[in-house]
Amino acid sequence: MRDRIDHGGWFKSSRSADNPACVEVRFVPGTTDVRDSKNPTGPVLSFPRGAWTQFLVRRASP
């Protein structure tokens, strides 16, 4: 589940609730951007879409 954060397409998991130690993600053509939710004007990490998908698949594996 995801909650929209702002009009820039950023969101964080609804599972993060009020946890300040989380990241926000947005999908843009060809890449997935990740930023620190505590510092929305700070640096952004951009990953190719395939790399982000692999990260999620490996993260979900036991």
N, C-alpha and C. Protein backbone atom coordinates (compact mmCIF):
# COMPACT_ATOMS: atom_id res chain seq x y z
N MET A 1 0.84 -1.18 0.00
CA MET A 1 0.00 0.00 0.00
C MET A 1 0.89 1.25 0.00
N ARG A 2 0.39 2.29 -0.63
CA ARG A 2 1.17 3.51 -0.70
C ARG A 2 0.29 4.71 -0.40
N ASP A 3 0.88 5.71 0.20
CA ASP A 3 0.20 6.97 0.45
C ASP A 3 0.92 8.05 -0.35
N ARG A 4 0.18 8.86 -1.09
CA ARG A 4 0.77 9.97 -1.82
C ARG A 4 1.29 11.01 -0.83
N ILE A 5 2.49 11.51 -1.09
CA ILE A 5 3.09 12.50 -0.22
C ILE A 5 2.87 13.91 -0.76
N ASP A 6 3.12 14.12 -2.04
CA ASP A 6 2.96 15.44 -2.62
C ASP A 6 2.64 15.30 -4.11
N HIS A 7 2.55 16.41 -4.79
CA HIS A 7 2.19 16.38 -6.21
C HIS A 7 3.36 16.01 -7.11
N GLY A 8 4.54 15.80 -6.53
CA GLY A 8 5.69 15.40 -7.31
C GLY A 8 5.77 13.90 -7.54
N GLY A 9 4.77 13.17 -7.07
CA GLY A 9 4.74 11.74 -7.27
C GLY A 9 5.44 10.93 -6.19
N TRP A 10 5.98 11.59 -5.17
CA TRP A 10 6.66 10.89 -4.09
C TRP A 10 5.64 10.20 -3.19
N PHE A 11 5.99 9.00 -2.72
CA PHE A 11 5.14 8.29 -1.77
C PHE A 11 6.01 7.46 -0.85
N LYS A 12 5.42 7.07 0.27
CA LYS A 12 6.08 6.11 1.15
C LYS A 12 5.06 5.04 1.51
N SER A 13 5.55 3.93 1.96
CA SER A 13 4.68 2.82 2.29
C SER A 13 3.73 3.19 3.41
N SER A 14 2.50 2.74 3.31
CA SER A 14 1.56 2.98 4.40
C SER A 14 1.99 2.22 5.65
N ARG A 15 2.83 1.21 5.50
CA ARG A 15 3.35 0.47 6.64
C ARG A 15 4.33 1.28 7.46
N SER A 16 4.86 2.35 6.91
CA SER A 16 5.81 3.16 7.67
C SER A 16 5.11 4.03 8.71
N ALA A 17 3.79 4.18 8.58
CA ALA A 17 2.98 4.96 9.54
C ALA A 17 3.65 6.29 9.85
N ASP A 18 3.90 6.55 11.11
CA ASP A 18 4.53 7.81 11.51
C ASP A 18 6.02 7.66 11.77
N ASN A 19 6.61 6.59 11.27
CA ASN A 19 8.04 6.35 11.46
C ASN A 19 8.83 7.38 10.67
N PRO A 20 9.64 8.19 11.34
CA PRO A 20 10.40 9.21 10.61
C PRO A 20 11.61 8.64 9.87
N ALA A 21 12.00 7.40 10.17
CA ALA A 21 13.18 6.79 9.55
C ALA A 21 12.76 5.95 8.35
N CYS A 22 12.27 6.61 7.32
CA CYS A 22 11.86 5.88 6.13
C CYS A 22 12.28 6.66 4.89
N VAL A 23 12.06 6.06 3.76
CA VAL A 23 12.37 6.71 2.50
C VAL A 23 11.09 6.93 1.70
N GLU A 24 11.17 7.83 0.76
CA GLU A 24 10.08 8.07 -0.18
C GLU A 24 10.57 7.66 -1.56
N VAL A 25 9.64 7.23 -2.37
CA VAL A 25 9.96 6.72 -3.71
C VAL A 25 9.05 7.39 -4.72
N ARG A 26 9.56 7.58 -5.92
CA ARG A 26 8.71 8.00 -7.04
C ARG A 26 9.20 7.31 -8.29
N PHE A 27 8.26 7.05 -9.17
CA PHE A 27 8.58 6.42 -10.45
C PHE A 27 8.52 7.47 -11.54
N VAL A 28 9.60 7.61 -12.26
CA VAL A 28 9.67 8.49 -13.42
C VAL A 28 10.08 7.62 -14.60
N PRO A 29 9.87 8.07 -15.81
CA PRO A 29 10.17 7.22 -16.96
C PRO A 29 11.59 6.63 -16.92
N GLY A 30 11.65 5.32 -16.83
CA GLY A 30 12.92 4.61 -16.88
C GLY A 30 13.68 4.47 -15.57
N THR A 31 13.30 5.23 -14.55
CA THR A 31 14.04 5.18 -13.29
C THR A 31 13.09 5.20 -12.09
N THR A 32 13.65 4.82 -10.97
CA THR A 32 12.98 4.94 -9.68
C THR A 32 13.84 5.83 -8.81
N ASP A 33 13.27 6.89 -8.27
CA ASP A 33 14.00 7.82 -7.42
C ASP A 33 13.67 7.52 -5.96
N VAL A 34 14.69 7.64 -5.10
CA VAL A 34 14.54 7.38 -3.67
C VAL A 34 15.16 8.54 -2.91
N ARG A 35 14.47 9.00 -1.86
CA ARG A 35 15.01 10.08 -1.03
C ARG A 35 14.66 9.83 0.43
N ASP A 36 15.36 10.51 1.29
CA ASP A 36 15.13 10.44 2.74
C ASP A 36 13.89 11.27 3.06
N SER A 37 12.91 10.66 3.71
CA SER A 37 11.67 11.39 4.01
C SER A 37 11.88 12.54 4.98
N LYS A 38 12.96 12.49 5.76
CA LYS A 38 13.25 13.58 6.71
C LYS A 38 13.91 14.77 6.01
N ASN A 39 14.40 14.56 4.79
CA ASN A 39 15.11 15.60 4.07
C ASN A 39 14.65 15.64 2.61
N PRO A 40 13.41 16.06 2.38
CA PRO A 40 12.87 16.01 1.02
C PRO A 40 13.56 16.92 0.01
N THR A 41 14.34 17.88 0.47
CA THR A 41 15.07 18.73 -0.47
C THR A 41 16.52 18.28 -0.64
N GLY A 42 16.87 17.18 0.02
CA GLY A 42 18.23 16.64 -0.04
C GLY A 42 18.46 15.82 -1.30
N PRO A 43 19.55 15.07 -1.29
CA PRO A 43 19.91 14.28 -2.47
C PRO A 43 18.89 13.19 -2.79
N VAL A 44 18.87 12.82 -4.05
CA VAL A 44 17.98 11.78 -4.55
C VAL A 44 18.84 10.71 -5.22
N LEU A 45 18.58 9.45 -4.88
CA LEU A 45 19.23 8.35 -5.56
C LEU A 45 18.31 7.89 -6.68
N SER A 46 18.86 7.73 -7.88
CA SER A 46 18.08 7.28 -9.04
C SER A 46 18.59 5.92 -9.48
N PHE A 47 17.67 4.97 -9.60
CA PHE A 47 18.01 3.61 -10.01
C PHE A 47 17.30 3.27 -11.31
N PRO A 48 17.99 2.57 -12.21
CA PRO A 48 17.27 2.08 -13.39
C PRO A 48 16.12 1.18 -12.94
N ARG A 49 15.03 1.21 -13.65
CA ARG A 49 13.84 0.47 -13.24
C ARG A 49 14.13 -1.01 -12.97
N GLY A 50 14.94 -1.64 -13.81
CA GLY A 50 15.28 -3.05 -13.62
C GLY A 50 16.03 -3.31 -12.32
N ALA A 51 16.94 -2.40 -11.97
CA ALA A 51 17.70 -2.55 -10.72
C ALA A 51 16.77 -2.43 -9.51
N TRP A 52 15.81 -1.52 -9.57
CA TRP A 52 14.86 -1.37 -8.47
C TRP A 52 13.99 -2.62 -8.33
N THR A 53 13.55 -3.16 -9.44
CA THR A 53 12.75 -4.38 -9.42
C THR A 53 13.54 -5.52 -8.80
N GLN A 54 14.80 -5.67 -9.19
CA GLN A 54 15.65 -6.72 -8.62
C GLN A 54 15.82 -6.53 -7.12
N PHE A 55 16.00 -5.30 -6.68
CA PHE A 55 16.12 -5.02 -5.25
C PHE A 55 14.86 -5.49 -4.52
N LEU A 56 13.70 -5.17 -5.04
CA LEU A 56 12.45 -5.57 -4.38
C LEU A 56 12.29 -7.08 -4.37
N VAL A 57 12.63 -7.74 -5.46
CA VAL A 57 12.51 -9.19 -5.53
C VAL A 57 13.44 -9.84 -4.49
N ARG A 58 14.66 -9.38 -4.44
CA ARG A 58 15.61 -9.95 -3.47
C ARG A 58 15.24 -9.62 -2.04
N ARG A 59 14.70 -8.46 -1.82
CA ARG A 59 14.28 -8.05 -0.48
C ARG A 59 13.11 -8.91 0.01
N ALA A 60 12.24 -9.30 -0.90
CA ALA A 60 11.06 -10.11 -0.54
C ALA A 60 11.39 -11.58 -0.36
N SER A 61 12.56 -12.01 -0.86
CA SER A 61 12.93 -13.43 -0.74
C SER A 61 13.34 -13.74 0.70
N PRO A 62 12.98 -14.95 1.16
CA PRO A 62 13.37 -15.31 2.54
C PRO A 62 14.85 -15.50 2.72
